[in-house]
Amino acid sequence: MRKIINSVLIFSLILNLFTVNVFAKEDIQVVFEQPAVYSASKGDVLNYKLNIKLPDDYMKDYKSFAVTILMDSNLEVTEQKLAGAELVQGKVDLTLTNVKKNTQNLVTLSVNDTEALKGVKEFSVVIKTKVKEDAKGQDALKNSFVLTYVDRAGNENSGQTNLESNTKAQDGNLTVYEVYNNSTVVSGKTEPNSKVKVLLNDKVLGEATSDKDGNFKVTISKQEIGTKLDVVSYFKKDGEDKTASNLVVVKDVKNSYITESLIDENMSTTVTEDMEVLDDYYEMAKSMDISAVKKEDAARLTAALANAQYIKVKSDVIQSEVSDAVDKLSEGISEIRVPIMNGRSKDTFGPKESMKRSEVASVLAKIYAGENITGVYSSFKDVKQEAWYADAVGYMEKNGFISGYKNGEFRPENPITRTEFASILVKVADLEKKSKATTFKDVNSNFWGKEAIDIVTSNGLMNGRSEGKFVPNEPINRAEVATVLNKLLNRTPNKEFIGKYSKNPFKDVSKTFWAYYEIMEVTGN
């Protein structure tokens, strides 16, 4: 039977904003209510509550903020909800993410636009959890959270606090890295020059002394999966003898690619290098426009960003956590940065080749419908239903976006002119003239496609090919189409990220080609 006493742990970050004259703003106050557990049995329900109080002028001072809570690995989150404020997709999101090889839950409240809170200053995140395994005596349930905010000046700041549901106060720091059934060393970090013991049912399996930085390694014999080991650190503080303890459970090495050989002095170098990769993926993900993507994809990327945000400021981070965070960001980015165009073959894009009418139908149908089209027939006599583009052509015809020739043909293999492409684009994207259009000396006032050309140029989607000329009757090439589609979808190529991580599969697209980054972006490379 679990025994619980109520406690309130308060973490208040005083966020100082500076102008010419230095002055302090009111704080964002985060209060985490959690049960202080003496003991808990498997299956017990523990309720947690994160209370947030915002200052009166928070919309003026803060653009966005997020609170990320990492729950103890012995707690399974069964329910999370926002109380006192409303969720708004893409602006106020509450997400649950599995991290550390699905052994821990991360609950994230992301307020991407403080105005979406509509003036609400006090609200809560209610978290219901279930205990996975028995926890007795000094077995602490350790939770931590990070508060990150971006002020109106664009400055980003973060802070982390660690929380323990345990009535026994630890006298010092003790972090123990994962132990597996093939491990012969228990390692971690504690107070400098501490004596560290690893015990099994009060039997000492090994002991060692931490170095000046607190790092330690204790040699032990291999243990069976599920074995619970007590790790105790003994040290002096303020002239008195102190201790810190931690309980670790031996895990199956098959469930992790981090083995004991990786937990050594070289790990700090590996983590540092991987943190640079994490920073790059984090900045790439932050720069992406998710306002028009599917709800599921937006939530996935938001959760990945929250997890990465936590790892970036977490103390004693290990390689597996960083790698997992990068993987989640990569997955989230890929789901949104989907390929819009493909190459002409596996290793060629054909950037200077003319775009075919069938290709335009296929690309724009996918953009408009948001998915691949199937089961739609066209009336064109030269479009056979078994053709790869048939469904797309049928879809575009059905919606009035394209038309064929007087003889009933579509001529799918014919190149499409720049004016024809502009005309279809206006219909598909439902565009209107935004400002004064560019005047081209080769586009007469009575030219059939002048209105479409005016609309696409006034929207910044297409330009002339040379000074003062649009060349309306020339075929549009594939590199030009790639550039237009990126603009249409607000997909601005991140040149730094693409240059560092993109794998260019096309032998006919060099890095010096004018549309290199546009082609990498539109193909999702």
Protein backbone atom coordinates (compact mmCIF):
# COMPACT_ATOMS: atom_id res chain seq x y z
CA MET A 1 0.00 0.00 0.00
CA ARG A 2 1.44 3.35 -0.93
CA LYS A 3 1.86 6.07 1.63
CA ILE A 4 1.74 9.60 0.35
CA ILE A 5 2.13 13.03 1.83
CA ASN A 6 1.39 16.13 -0.21
CA SER A 7 4.17 18.48 -1.02
CA VAL A 8 4.49 21.44 -3.27
CA LEU A 9 7.78 22.07 -5.03
CA ILE A 10 8.05 25.54 -6.45
CA PHE A 11 10.38 26.48 -9.25
CA SER A 12 10.27 30.15 -10.15
CA LEU A 13 12.38 31.53 -12.97
CA ILE A 14 12.88 35.27 -12.72
CA LEU A 15 13.16 36.33 -16.34
CA ASN A 16 15.02 39.64 -16.57
CA LEU A 17 14.41 41.65 -19.75
CA PHE A 18 16.72 44.55 -20.45
CA THR A 19 16.34 47.83 -22.36
CA VAL A 20 18.68 50.77 -22.16
CA ASN A 21 17.77 51.17 -18.51
CA VAL A 22 18.03 47.85 -16.68
CA PHE A 23 14.86 46.79 -14.91
CA ALA A 24 13.32 43.46 -13.87
CA LYS A 25 10.05 42.13 -15.21
CA GLU A 26 7.69 39.97 -13.23
CA ASP A 27 8.43 36.27 -13.28
CA ILE A 28 6.77 33.31 -14.91
CA GLN A 29 6.07 31.08 -11.92
CA VAL A 30 5.86 27.31 -12.28
CA VAL A 31 4.61 25.27 -9.31
CA PHE A 32 4.91 21.49 -9.57
CA GLU A 33 2.69 19.65 -7.10
CA GLN A 34 3.74 16.06 -6.59
CA PRO A 35 3.23 13.38 -3.94
CA ALA A 36 6.23 12.70 -1.71
CA VAL A 37 6.19 8.91 -1.76
CA TYR A 38 7.53 6.74 1.07
CA SER A 39 6.57 3.62 -0.83
CA ALA A 40 4.42 2.69 -3.79
CA SER A 41 3.30 -0.59 -5.29
CA LYS A 42 3.13 -1.60 -8.93
CA GLY A 43 -0.10 -0.28 -10.42
CA ASP A 44 -0.61 2.54 -7.91
CA VAL A 45 -1.92 5.80 -9.38
CA LEU A 46 -0.01 8.99 -8.65
CA ASN A 47 -1.34 12.39 -9.69
CA TYR A 48 0.87 15.37 -10.54
CA LYS A 49 -0.07 18.95 -11.29
CA LEU A 50 1.97 21.69 -12.93
CA ASN A 51 0.58 25.13 -12.07
CA ILE A 52 1.62 28.09 -14.21
CA LYS A 53 1.12 31.71 -13.23
CA LEU A 54 1.93 34.43 -15.74
CA PRO A 55 2.57 38.11 -14.99
CA ASP A 56 -0.03 40.73 -15.90
CA ASP A 57 1.81 41.97 -19.00
CA TYR A 58 3.03 38.58 -20.28
CA MET A 59 1.71 39.09 -23.84
CA LYS A 60 3.73 42.29 -24.08
CA ASP A 61 6.95 40.75 -22.77
CA TYR A 62 6.90 37.13 -23.96
CA LYS A 63 6.40 35.83 -27.47
CA SER A 64 6.32 32.14 -26.52
CA PHE A 65 7.31 29.67 -23.82
CA ALA A 66 7.35 25.95 -23.18
CA VAL A 67 7.47 23.73 -20.11
CA THR A 68 8.86 20.23 -20.62
CA ILE A 69 8.50 17.64 -17.84
CA LEU A 70 10.58 14.44 -17.87
CA MET A 71 8.78 11.88 -15.73
CA ASP A 72 10.61 9.19 -13.80
CA SER A 73 11.23 5.97 -15.71
CA ASN A 74 9.14 4.08 -13.12
CA LEU A 75 6.07 6.18 -13.94
CA GLU A 76 3.82 5.64 -16.95
CA VAL A 77 1.77 8.66 -17.96
CA THR A 78 -1.81 7.50 -18.59
CA GLU A 79 -3.46 10.88 -19.04
CA GLN A 80 -2.49 14.51 -19.45
CA LYS A 81 -4.78 17.49 -19.86
CA LEU A 82 -4.76 21.28 -19.75
CA ALA A 83 -7.01 22.90 -17.15
CA GLY A 84 -7.93 26.57 -17.08
CA ALA A 85 -6.88 27.35 -20.66
CA GLU A 86 -7.79 26.09 -24.12
CA LEU A 87 -5.61 24.13 -26.52
CA VAL A 88 -5.14 25.78 -29.93
CA GLN A 89 -3.47 23.69 -32.63
CA GLY A 90 -0.03 25.01 -33.48
CA LYS A 91 -0.28 27.74 -30.85
CA VAL A 92 -1.07 26.05 -27.52
CA ASP A 93 -0.18 22.34 -27.65
CA LEU A 94 0.09 19.62 -25.00
CA THR A 95 2.03 16.55 -26.15
CA LEU A 96 3.22 13.24 -24.73
CA THR A 97 6.46 11.79 -26.11
CA ASN A 98 8.30 8.55 -25.36
CA VAL A 99 12.05 8.99 -24.92
CA LYS A 100 15.07 6.92 -23.92
CA LYS A 101 14.05 3.93 -25.99
CA ASN A 102 10.44 4.30 -24.82
CA THR A 103 11.38 3.94 -21.13
CA GLN A 104 10.37 7.46 -20.07
CA ASN A 105 7.56 9.90 -20.78
CA LEU A 106 8.04 13.55 -21.68
CA VAL A 107 5.05 15.86 -21.22
CA THR A 108 5.36 19.19 -23.02
CA LEU A 109 3.23 22.29 -22.92
CA SER A 110 4.17 24.51 -25.88
CA VAL A 111 2.73 28.01 -26.01
CA ASN A 112 4.01 29.18 -29.40
CA ASP A 113 1.94 32.35 -29.33
CA THR A 114 1.11 33.88 -25.94
CA GLU A 115 -1.76 35.83 -27.47
CA ALA A 116 -3.53 32.51 -28.07
CA LEU A 117 -4.02 32.25 -24.28
CA LYS A 118 -6.47 35.17 -24.60
CA GLY A 119 -5.31 36.86 -21.42
CA VAL A 120 -5.51 33.79 -19.15
CA LYS A 121 -2.83 34.16 -16.47
CA GLU A 122 -3.26 31.01 -14.37
CA PHE A 123 -3.72 27.46 -15.61
CA SER A 124 -2.47 23.92 -14.97
CA VAL A 125 -1.25 20.76 -16.62
CA VAL A 126 -2.76 17.73 -14.87
CA ILE A 127 -0.76 14.49 -15.23
CA LYS A 128 -2.06 11.09 -14.16
CA THR A 129 0.56 8.32 -13.83
CA LYS A 130 0.77 4.65 -12.94
CA VAL A 131 3.70 3.11 -11.04
CA LYS A 132 5.44 0.44 -13.18
CA GLU A 133 7.36 -1.44 -10.44
CA ASP A 134 7.36 -1.48 -6.64
CA ALA A 135 9.22 1.44 -5.08
CA LYS A 136 10.12 1.15 -1.43
CA GLY A 137 11.98 3.08 1.22
CA GLN A 138 14.50 5.42 -0.30
CA ASP A 139 13.60 4.58 -3.91
CA ALA A 140 13.01 8.10 -5.22
CA LEU A 141 10.70 8.95 -8.08
CA LYS A 142 12.70 11.63 -9.81
CA ASN A 143 11.13 14.10 -12.18
CA SER A 144 12.60 17.20 -13.78
CA PHE A 145 11.35 20.00 -15.96
CA VAL A 146 12.65 22.78 -18.17
CA LEU A 147 11.08 26.17 -18.69
CA THR A 148 12.08 27.87 -21.94
CA TYR A 149 10.86 31.24 -23.14
CA VAL A 150 11.38 33.61 -26.05
CA ASP A 151 10.87 37.29 -25.30
CA ARG A 152 9.58 39.89 -27.73
CA ALA A 153 13.16 40.82 -28.63
CA GLY A 154 13.72 37.25 -29.85
CA ASN A 155 16.01 36.21 -26.97
CA GLU A 156 15.69 32.58 -25.87
CA ASN A 157 16.46 31.39 -22.33
CA SER A 158 16.08 28.10 -20.49
CA GLY A 159 16.33 26.75 -16.98
CA GLN A 160 16.13 23.24 -15.51
CA THR A 161 15.16 21.98 -12.07
CA ASN A 162 15.22 18.43 -10.77
CA LEU A 163 12.42 17.17 -8.52
CA GLU A 164 12.23 14.11 -6.30
CA SER A 165 9.15 12.48 -4.80
CA ASN A 166 11.01 11.26 -1.75
CA THR A 167 10.89 12.41 1.84
CA LYS A 168 14.60 11.70 2.21
CA ALA A 169 16.61 14.73 1.12
CA GLN A 170 19.78 13.84 -0.73
CA ASP A 171 22.91 15.41 0.70
CA GLY A 172 24.60 15.70 -2.70
CA ASN A 173 24.47 14.86 -6.38
CA LEU A 174 24.53 11.31 -7.73
CA THR A 175 23.82 10.31 -11.31
CA VAL A 176 24.19 6.69 -12.39
CA TYR A 177 24.33 5.74 -16.07
CA GLU A 178 22.36 2.80 -17.45
CA VAL A 179 23.46 -0.69 -16.35
CA TYR A 180 22.89 -3.69 -18.65
CA ASN A 181 23.15 -7.43 -18.20
CA ASN A 182 26.56 -7.41 -19.96
CA SER A 183 27.92 -4.51 -17.88
CA THR A 184 31.03 -5.05 -15.79
CA VAL A 185 31.24 -1.39 -14.74
CA VAL A 186 28.77 0.92 -13.03
CA SER A 187 29.64 4.51 -13.87
CA GLY A 188 28.22 7.95 -13.26
CA LYS A 189 28.87 11.27 -11.59
CA THR A 190 28.69 12.40 -7.96
CA GLU A 191 30.48 14.73 -5.58
CA PRO A 192 34.27 15.03 -6.15
CA ASN A 193 36.52 12.59 -4.26
CA SER A 194 33.62 10.50 -2.98
CA LYS A 195 33.72 6.82 -2.06
CA VAL A 196 31.13 5.06 -4.19
CA LYS A 197 29.75 1.60 -3.41
CA VAL A 198 27.48 -0.67 -5.43
CA LEU A 199 25.37 -2.99 -3.27
CA LEU A 200 23.07 -5.93 -3.89
CA ASN A 201 20.90 -6.73 -0.84
CA ASP A 202 23.47 -5.04 1.43
CA LYS A 203 26.31 -7.04 -0.15
CA VAL A 204 29.05 -4.81 -1.59
CA LEU A 205 29.70 -5.77 -5.22
CA GLY A 206 32.41 -3.18 -5.74
CA GLU A 207 33.63 0.26 -4.73
CA ALA A 208 35.75 3.08 -6.12
CA THR A 209 36.60 6.77 -5.58
CA SER A 210 35.30 9.54 -7.83
CA ASP A 211 37.80 11.92 -9.45
CA LYS A 212 38.09 15.69 -8.97
CA ASP A 213 35.17 16.22 -11.35
CA GLY A 214 32.97 13.61 -9.63
CA ASN A 215 33.20 10.93 -12.34
CA PHE A 216 33.36 7.37 -11.09
CA LYS A 217 33.59 3.75 -12.31
CA VAL A 218 32.90 0.76 -10.08
CA THR A 219 33.83 -2.70 -11.33
CA ILE A 220 31.17 -5.36 -10.69
CA SER A 221 30.29 -8.82 -11.93
CA LYS A 222 27.60 -9.18 -14.60
CA GLN A 223 24.07 -9.14 -13.18
CA GLU A 224 20.78 -10.60 -14.38
CA ILE A 225 18.12 -8.50 -16.07
CA GLY A 226 15.83 -6.88 -13.50
CA THR A 227 18.37 -6.94 -10.64
CA LYS A 228 18.08 -3.84 -8.45
CA LEU A 229 21.40 -2.33 -7.40
CA ASP A 230 21.89 0.32 -4.73
CA VAL A 231 24.58 2.86 -5.56
CA VAL A 232 25.69 4.94 -2.58
CA SER A 233 28.11 7.87 -2.56
CA TYR A 234 29.92 8.81 0.68
CA PHE A 235 31.59 12.22 0.99
CA LYS A 236 32.28 15.13 3.34
CA LYS A 237 30.39 18.39 3.01
CA ASP A 238 30.71 21.37 5.33
CA GLY A 239 32.93 19.22 7.54
CA GLU A 240 30.27 16.56 8.00
CA ASP A 241 29.85 13.04 6.61
CA LYS A 242 27.17 12.98 3.90
CA THR A 243 25.61 10.42 1.54
CA ALA A 244 23.64 10.28 -1.68
CA SER A 245 22.01 7.14 -3.04
CA ASN A 246 20.36 5.87 -6.21
CA LEU A 247 18.58 2.68 -7.21
CA VAL A 248 19.29 1.27 -10.69
CA VAL A 249 17.64 -1.67 -12.40
CA VAL A 250 19.74 -3.87 -14.70
CA LYS A 251 18.36 -3.76 -18.26
CA ASP A 252 18.60 -6.02 -21.27
CA VAL A 253 21.42 -4.86 -23.55
CA LYS A 254 19.31 -5.89 -26.56
CA ASN A 255 17.06 -2.91 -25.85
CA SER A 256 19.86 -0.39 -26.26
CA TYR A 257 22.78 0.22 -28.55
CA ILE A 258 24.69 1.93 -25.74
CA THR A 259 26.88 -0.75 -24.16
CA GLU A 260 29.36 -0.45 -21.34
CA SER A 261 32.28 0.00 -23.71
CA LEU A 262 30.80 3.34 -24.76
CA ILE A 263 30.57 4.70 -21.23
CA ASP A 264 34.13 5.84 -20.74
CA GLU A 265 36.30 8.93 -20.88
CA ASN A 266 35.71 9.27 -24.62
CA MET A 267 31.97 9.73 -24.17
CA SER A 268 32.24 13.44 -23.46
CA THR A 269 33.82 13.99 -26.86
CA THR A 270 31.15 11.94 -28.62
CA VAL A 271 28.34 13.73 -26.79
CA THR A 272 29.87 17.12 -27.63
CA GLU A 273 30.01 16.26 -31.31
CA ASP A 274 26.46 14.89 -31.29
CA MET A 275 25.22 17.98 -29.46
CA GLU A 276 26.42 20.07 -32.41
CA VAL A 277 24.31 17.86 -34.69
CA LEU A 278 21.37 18.23 -32.31
CA ASP A 279 21.73 22.01 -32.40
CA ASP A 280 21.69 21.97 -36.20
CA TYR A 281 18.58 19.76 -36.40
CA TYR A 282 16.89 21.81 -33.67
CA GLU A 283 17.44 25.08 -35.55
CA MET A 284 16.27 23.48 -38.80
CA ALA A 285 13.08 22.19 -37.17
CA LYS A 286 12.39 25.56 -35.52
CA SER A 287 12.62 27.32 -38.89
CA MET A 288 9.94 25.15 -40.51
CA ASP A 289 6.44 26.47 -41.21
CA ILE A 290 3.90 24.06 -39.70
CA SER A 291 0.83 26.27 -40.00
CA ALA A 292 -0.55 24.39 -43.01
CA VAL A 293 0.61 20.81 -42.33
CA LYS A 294 -1.40 17.89 -40.97
CA LYS A 295 -2.21 18.05 -37.26
CA GLU A 296 -0.37 14.78 -36.60
CA ASP A 297 2.80 15.99 -38.37
CA ALA A 298 2.73 19.34 -36.56
CA ALA A 299 2.33 17.59 -33.20
CA ARG A 300 5.20 15.20 -34.01
CA LEU A 301 7.59 18.05 -34.80
CA THR A 302 6.45 20.08 -31.78
CA ALA A 303 7.10 17.10 -29.49
CA ALA A 304 10.51 16.48 -31.08
CA LEU A 305 11.44 20.13 -30.56
CA ALA A 306 10.35 19.96 -26.92
CA ASN A 307 12.40 16.82 -26.33
CA ALA A 308 15.45 18.38 -28.00
CA GLN A 309 14.96 21.54 -25.97
CA TYR A 310 15.07 19.48 -22.81
CA ILE A 311 18.20 17.55 -23.84
CA LYS A 312 19.99 20.78 -24.80
CA VAL A 313 19.82 22.10 -21.24
CA LYS A 314 19.81 18.82 -19.31
CA SER A 315 22.73 18.16 -17.02
CA ASP A 316 24.69 14.88 -17.33
CA VAL A 317 23.27 14.11 -20.76
CA ILE A 318 24.46 10.85 -22.34
CA GLN A 319 24.95 9.89 -25.96
CA SER A 320 21.83 7.75 -26.28
CA GLU A 321 19.63 10.68 -25.22
CA VAL A 322 21.24 12.99 -27.78
CA SER A 323 21.00 10.41 -30.56
CA ASP A 324 17.37 9.71 -29.72
CA ALA A 325 16.58 13.44 -29.81
CA VAL A 326 18.27 13.82 -33.21
CA ASP A 327 16.34 10.80 -34.56
CA LYS A 328 13.03 12.28 -33.44
CA LEU A 329 13.83 15.65 -34.99
CA SER A 330 14.94 13.98 -38.22
CA GLU A 331 11.68 12.02 -38.37
CA GLY A 332 9.60 15.12 -37.68
CA ILE A 333 11.45 17.15 -40.31
CA SER A 334 11.11 14.39 -42.91
CA GLU A 335 7.35 14.08 -42.39
CA ILE A 336 6.92 17.79 -43.18
CA ARG A 337 9.72 18.20 -45.72
CA VAL A 338 8.23 15.57 -48.01
CA PRO A 339 9.40 15.30 -51.63
CA ILE A 340 7.19 17.33 -53.99
CA MET A 341 9.17 16.46 -57.12
CA ASN A 342 11.21 13.38 -58.01
CA GLY A 343 14.12 12.91 -60.33
CA ARG A 344 13.75 11.85 -63.93
CA SER A 345 15.70 8.76 -62.88
CA LYS A 346 17.37 7.48 -59.73
CA ASP A 347 20.45 9.66 -60.23
CA THR A 348 19.29 12.45 -62.57
CA PHE A 349 16.92 15.36 -62.04
CA GLY A 350 17.00 16.96 -65.51
CA PRO A 351 17.10 20.55 -64.21
CA LYS A 352 17.31 22.15 -67.66
CA GLU A 353 14.81 19.80 -69.29
CA SER A 354 11.28 20.94 -70.04
CA MET A 355 8.53 20.06 -67.59
CA LYS A 356 5.95 17.77 -69.18
CA ARG A 357 2.20 18.33 -68.92
CA SER A 358 1.79 14.97 -67.18
CA GLU A 359 4.43 15.91 -64.59
CA VAL A 360 2.75 19.23 -63.83
CA ALA A 361 -0.60 17.50 -63.36
CA SER A 362 0.94 14.95 -60.99
CA VAL A 363 2.84 17.48 -58.86
CA LEU A 364 0.03 20.02 -58.51
CA ALA A 365 -2.64 17.38 -57.87
CA LYS A 366 -0.59 16.04 -54.97
CA ILE A 367 -0.13 19.54 -53.54
CA TYR A 368 -3.81 20.45 -53.85
CA ALA A 369 -5.17 17.14 -52.54
CA GLY A 370 -2.46 16.66 -49.91
CA GLU A 371 -2.00 13.04 -50.93
CA ASN A 372 -1.49 10.76 -53.90
CA ILE A 373 -4.59 10.54 -56.10
CA THR A 374 -6.17 7.20 -57.01
CA GLY A 375 -9.32 6.06 -58.79
CA VAL A 376 -10.04 9.21 -60.82
CA TYR A 377 -10.62 8.94 -64.57
CA SER A 378 -10.10 11.60 -67.24
CA SER A 379 -11.99 12.18 -70.49
CA PHE A 380 -8.85 12.56 -72.60
CA LYS A 381 -8.52 9.93 -75.29
CA ASP A 382 -4.71 9.86 -75.10
CA VAL A 383 -4.57 9.27 -71.31
CA LYS A 384 -4.76 5.57 -70.59
CA GLN A 385 -5.81 4.68 -67.06
CA GLU A 386 -2.79 2.43 -66.53
CA ALA A 387 -0.45 5.40 -67.08
CA TRP A 388 1.33 6.56 -63.91
CA TYR A 389 -0.13 10.07 -64.26
CA ALA A 390 -3.71 9.09 -65.24
CA ASP A 391 -5.33 9.58 -61.81
CA ALA A 392 -3.68 12.98 -61.35
CA VAL A 393 -4.76 14.17 -64.80
CA GLY A 394 -8.32 13.01 -64.06
CA TYR A 395 -8.28 14.82 -60.72
CA MET A 396 -7.00 18.06 -62.24
CA GLU A 397 -9.58 17.91 -65.03
CA LYS A 398 -12.42 17.15 -62.61
CA ASN A 399 -11.55 20.22 -60.52
CA GLY A 400 -11.28 22.47 -63.55
CA PHE A 401 -7.55 23.12 -63.20
CA ILE A 402 -6.50 21.83 -66.62
CA SER A 403 -8.03 21.38 -70.03
CA GLY A 404 -7.02 19.56 -73.16
CA TYR A 405 -7.01 20.36 -76.83
CA LYS A 406 -10.01 20.65 -79.18
CA ASN A 407 -9.46 17.16 -80.55
CA GLY A 408 -9.94 15.65 -77.07
CA GLU A 409 -6.26 15.05 -76.40
CA PHE A 410 -4.25 16.03 -73.33
CA ARG A 411 -0.82 15.39 -74.88
CA PRO A 412 0.81 14.32 -71.58
CA GLU A 413 4.34 14.08 -72.99
CA ASN A 414 4.32 17.60 -74.42
CA PRO A 415 6.29 20.29 -72.61
CA ILE A 416 4.24 22.92 -70.82
CA THR A 417 4.90 26.59 -71.52
CA ARG A 418 5.63 29.19 -68.87
CA THR A 419 2.25 30.84 -69.48
CA GLU A 420 0.35 27.56 -69.30
CA PHE A 421 2.07 26.73 -66.02
CA ALA A 422 1.24 30.20 -64.63
CA SER A 423 -2.40 29.76 -65.65
CA ILE A 424 -2.75 26.38 -63.93
CA LEU A 425 -0.94 27.64 -60.83
CA VAL A 426 -3.39 30.53 -60.42
CA LYS A 427 -6.32 28.10 -60.45
CA VAL A 428 -4.79 25.48 -58.14
CA ALA A 429 -3.59 27.99 -55.53
CA ASP A 430 -6.62 30.29 -55.97
CA LEU A 431 -4.33 33.29 -56.39
CA GLU A 432 -5.29 36.92 -56.79
CA LYS A 433 -3.29 39.89 -57.94
CA LYS A 434 -1.50 41.36 -54.92
CA SER A 435 0.25 44.47 -56.15
CA LYS A 436 1.36 46.17 -59.33
CA ALA A 437 2.49 43.44 -61.69
CA THR A 438 5.79 43.39 -63.49
CA THR A 439 5.64 44.69 -67.05
CA PHE A 440 7.27 42.52 -69.71
CA LYS A 441 7.95 43.81 -73.19
CA ASP A 442 7.16 40.40 -74.71
CA VAL A 443 3.70 40.15 -73.07
CA ASN A 444 1.13 42.29 -74.88
CA SER A 445 -1.97 43.64 -73.15
CA ASN A 446 -4.20 41.40 -75.28
CA PHE A 447 -2.10 38.24 -74.75
CA TRP A 448 -4.36 35.40 -73.53
CA GLY A 449 -2.20 34.60 -70.49
CA LYS A 450 -1.38 38.16 -69.38
CA GLU A 451 -3.71 38.07 -66.36
CA ALA A 452 -2.17 34.83 -65.05
CA ILE A 453 1.34 36.21 -65.60
CA ASP A 454 0.41 39.39 -63.73
CA ILE A 455 -0.97 37.37 -60.81
CA VAL A 456 1.99 34.98 -60.37
CA THR A 457 4.57 37.76 -60.70
CA SER A 458 2.72 40.05 -58.27
CA ASN A 459 2.71 37.16 -55.77
CA GLY A 460 6.46 36.71 -56.22
CA LEU A 461 6.11 33.16 -57.53
CA MET A 462 7.57 33.67 -61.01
CA ASN A 463 10.00 36.11 -62.57
CA GLY A 464 11.16 36.92 -66.05
CA ARG A 465 13.96 34.93 -67.64
CA SER A 466 15.89 37.98 -68.68
CA GLU A 467 15.61 41.71 -68.20
CA GLY A 468 12.18 42.81 -69.31
CA LYS A 469 11.22 39.45 -70.86
CA PHE A 470 8.95 36.69 -69.56
CA VAL A 471 9.30 34.44 -72.64
CA PRO A 472 5.69 33.27 -72.26
CA ASN A 473 5.68 30.68 -75.02
CA GLU A 474 8.89 28.93 -74.01
CA PRO A 475 8.67 25.65 -72.04
CA ILE A 476 9.25 26.00 -68.31
CA ASN A 477 12.15 23.85 -67.13
CA ARG A 478 12.24 21.59 -64.09
CA ALA A 479 14.60 23.81 -62.09
CA GLU A 480 12.21 26.74 -62.54
CA VAL A 481 9.26 24.62 -61.42
CA ALA A 482 11.18 23.48 -58.33
CA THR A 483 11.80 27.11 -57.38
CA VAL A 484 8.15 28.11 -57.90
CA LEU A 485 6.80 25.20 -55.86
CA ASN A 486 9.08 25.99 -52.90
CA LYS A 487 7.81 29.57 -52.92
CA LEU A 488 4.21 28.42 -53.19
CA LEU A 489 4.59 26.13 -50.17
CA ASN A 490 6.71 28.55 -48.11
CA ARG A 491 9.58 26.05 -48.18
CA THR A 492 12.65 28.26 -48.07
CA PRO A 493 15.75 26.08 -48.47
CA ASN A 494 17.94 26.11 -45.36
CA LYS A 495 21.23 26.36 -47.22
CA GLU A 496 23.42 25.80 -44.16
CA PHE A 497 21.55 22.64 -43.13
CA ILE A 498 21.32 21.28 -46.67
CA GLY A 499 24.99 21.99 -47.27
CA LYS A 500 25.93 20.08 -44.13
CA TYR A 501 23.54 17.11 -44.13
CA SER A 502 21.98 16.73 -47.60
CA LYS A 503 22.98 13.75 -49.74
CA ASN A 504 22.68 14.86 -53.35
CA PRO A 505 21.57 11.85 -55.43
CA PHE A 506 21.62 13.71 -58.75
CA LYS A 507 24.76 13.62 -60.87
CA ASP A 508 23.40 16.35 -63.17
CA VAL A 509 22.89 18.89 -60.34
CA SER A 510 26.13 20.40 -59.08
CA LYS A 511 26.41 22.53 -55.98
CA THR A 512 27.29 25.52 -58.15
CA PHE A 513 24.07 25.25 -60.18
CA TRP A 514 21.80 28.26 -59.55
CA ALA A 515 18.86 26.11 -58.35
CA TYR A 516 20.87 23.51 -56.39
CA TYR A 517 19.31 24.30 -53.00
CA GLU A 518 15.83 24.66 -54.50
CA ILE A 519 16.11 21.19 -56.06
CA MET A 520 17.43 19.62 -52.82
CA GLU A 521 14.49 21.17 -50.94
CA VAL A 522 11.73 20.22 -53.39
CA THR A 523 12.99 16.61 -53.52
CA GLY A 524 13.38 16.39 -49.71
CA ASN A 525 17.12 15.70 -49.86
